[in-house]
Protein backbone atom coordinates (compact mmCIF):
# COMPACT_ATOMS: atom_id res chain seq x y z
CA UNK A 1 20.77 17.23 8.08
CA UNK A 2 17.00 16.89 7.89
CA UNK A 3 15.56 14.57 5.27
CA UNK A 4 13.73 16.05 2.29
CA UNK A 5 12.04 12.84 1.16
CA UNK A 6 11.27 9.34 2.29
CA UNK A 7 11.17 6.23 0.17
CA UNK A 8 8.67 3.72 1.57
CA UNK A 9 8.63 0.13 0.35
CA UNK A 10 5.70 -1.99 1.53
CA UNK A 11 6.43 -5.69 1.32
CA UNK A 12 5.42 -9.10 2.62
CA UNK A 13 7.71 -11.90 3.77
CA UNK A 14 6.74 -15.53 4.05
CA UNK A 15 6.88 -16.66 7.68
CA UNK A 16 9.43 -19.34 6.93
CA UNK A 17 11.75 -16.68 5.46
CA UNK A 18 11.91 -14.32 8.47
CA UNK A 19 15.35 -15.45 9.59
CA UNK A 20 16.64 -14.98 6.05
CA UNK A 21 15.05 -11.51 6.03
CA UNK A 22 17.04 -10.49 9.10
CA UNK A 23 20.29 -11.66 7.51
CA UNK A 24 19.47 -10.00 4.20
CA UNK A 25 18.57 -6.69 5.84
CA UNK A 26 21.99 -6.41 7.41
CA UNK A 27 23.76 -6.87 4.09
CA UNK A 28 21.35 -4.62 2.16
CA UNK A 29 21.57 -1.82 4.72
CA UNK A 30 25.37 -1.99 4.84
CA UNK A 31 25.67 -0.20 1.51
CA UNK A 32 24.46 3.40 1.78
CA UNK A 33 24.26 5.36 -1.47
CA UNK A 34 25.13 9.09 -1.47
CA UNK A 35 22.25 11.17 -0.15
CA UNK A 36 20.67 8.37 1.87
CA UNK A 37 20.61 9.36 5.54
CA UNK A 38 18.95 6.39 7.22
CA UNK A 39 17.27 3.07 6.49
CA UNK A 40 14.71 1.55 8.87
CA UNK A 41 12.49 -1.51 8.57
CA UNK A 42 9.24 -1.84 10.50
CA UNK A 43 7.20 -5.00 11.04
CA UNK A 44 3.43 -5.02 11.41
CA UNK A 45 2.94 -6.21 14.99
CA UNK A 46 -0.55 -7.60 14.38
CA UNK A 47 1.00 -10.93 13.42
CA UNK A 48 0.79 -10.45 9.68
CA UNK A 49 3.67 -10.84 7.28
CA UNK A 50 3.76 -7.16 6.31
CA UNK A 51 6.74 -4.81 6.61
CA UNK A 52 7.68 -1.26 5.64
CA UNK A 53 11.20 -0.35 4.52
CA UNK A 54 11.83 3.39 4.99
CA UNK A 55 14.79 5.32 3.60
CA UNK A 56 15.40 8.97 4.50
CA UNK A 57 17.00 11.04 1.73
CA UNK A 58 18.69 14.44 1.95
CA UNK A 59 18.42 15.21 -1.74
CA UNK A 60 15.54 14.54 -4.10
CA UNK A 61 17.77 14.27 -7.18
CA UNK A 62 19.95 11.64 -5.52
CA UNK A 63 16.81 9.68 -4.61
CA UNK A 64 15.54 9.88 -8.19
CA UNK A 65 18.91 8.58 -9.42
CA UNK A 66 18.82 5.76 -6.88
CA UNK A 67 15.41 4.62 -8.15
CA UNK A 68 16.95 3.71 -11.51
CA UNK A 69 20.14 2.21 -10.07
CA UNK A 70 21.33 -1.36 -9.78
CA UNK A 71 21.40 -0.90 -6.00
CA UNK A 72 17.66 -0.23 -5.86
CA UNK A 73 16.98 -3.15 -8.20
CA UNK A 74 19.02 -5.35 -5.83
CA UNK A 75 16.91 -4.26 -2.85
CA UNK A 76 13.67 -5.03 -4.72
CA UNK A 77 15.07 -8.34 -5.95
CA UNK A 78 16.09 -9.34 -2.44
CA UNK A 79 12.66 -8.51 -1.05
CA UNK A 80 10.92 -10.38 -3.88
CA UNK A 81 13.04 -13.46 -3.18
CA UNK A 82 11.70 -13.48 0.38
CA UNK A 83 8.07 -12.75 -0.43
CA UNK A 84 6.62 -9.93 -2.49
CA UNK A 85 6.83 -6.18 -2.85
CA UNK A 86 3.36 -4.69 -2.48
CA UNK A 87 4.23 -1.15 -3.56
CA UNK A 88 6.57 1.72 -2.97
CA UNK A 89 6.26 5.49 -2.93
CA UNK A 90 8.11 8.72 -2.34
CA UNK A 91 6.88 10.91 0.50
CA UNK A 92 8.00 14.53 0.27
CA UNK A 93 8.53 16.29 3.58
CA UNK A 94 7.82 19.88 4.45
CA UNK A 95 10.35 22.21 6.05
CA UNK A 96 8.16 23.80 8.71
CA UNK A 97 8.93 23.13 12.35
CA UNK A 98 5.37 22.56 13.48
CA UNK A 99 3.64 19.74 15.24
CA UNK A 100 1.76 18.93 12.05
CA UNK A 101 2.72 15.72 10.24
CA UNK A 102 5.83 16.25 8.15
CA UNK A 103 4.36 14.48 5.14
CA UNK A 104 3.11 16.92 2.60
CA UNK A 105 2.25 14.55 -0.19
CA UNK A 106 2.86 10.98 -1.18
CA UNK A 107 3.60 9.99 -4.73
CA UNK A 108 2.97 6.38 -5.58
CA UNK A 109 5.34 5.15 -8.18
CA UNK A 110 4.11 3.16 -11.14
CA UNK A 111 4.92 -0.33 -10.01
CA UNK A 112 3.77 -3.87 -10.39
CA UNK A 113 5.47 -6.74 -8.60
CA UNK A 114 5.76 -9.61 -11.03
CA UNK A 115 7.07 -12.86 -9.66
């Protein structure tokens, strides 16, 4: 099943918390809500402390429900404990099978990371 939307979470992790991040990612990714196809985490290789958490979703309504769930709040809380959440957004994907980028539009969610 092809994803309809992506949830991107941009976050920073303090260098001294990287080992804890790896352990936390395994436990956070172990629980997959209905409609979530895949979770991936990417590290900025330039040596900074920036990461991107990407979730692929098969159903937009399930993603919207997830955004108000305790599970999503737990993910954000875990990331905040290790550093800070910079922002997050939903990226809607198109259905065409072309070589063009699959992103059709990004919607930044109203968000402020308060520590």
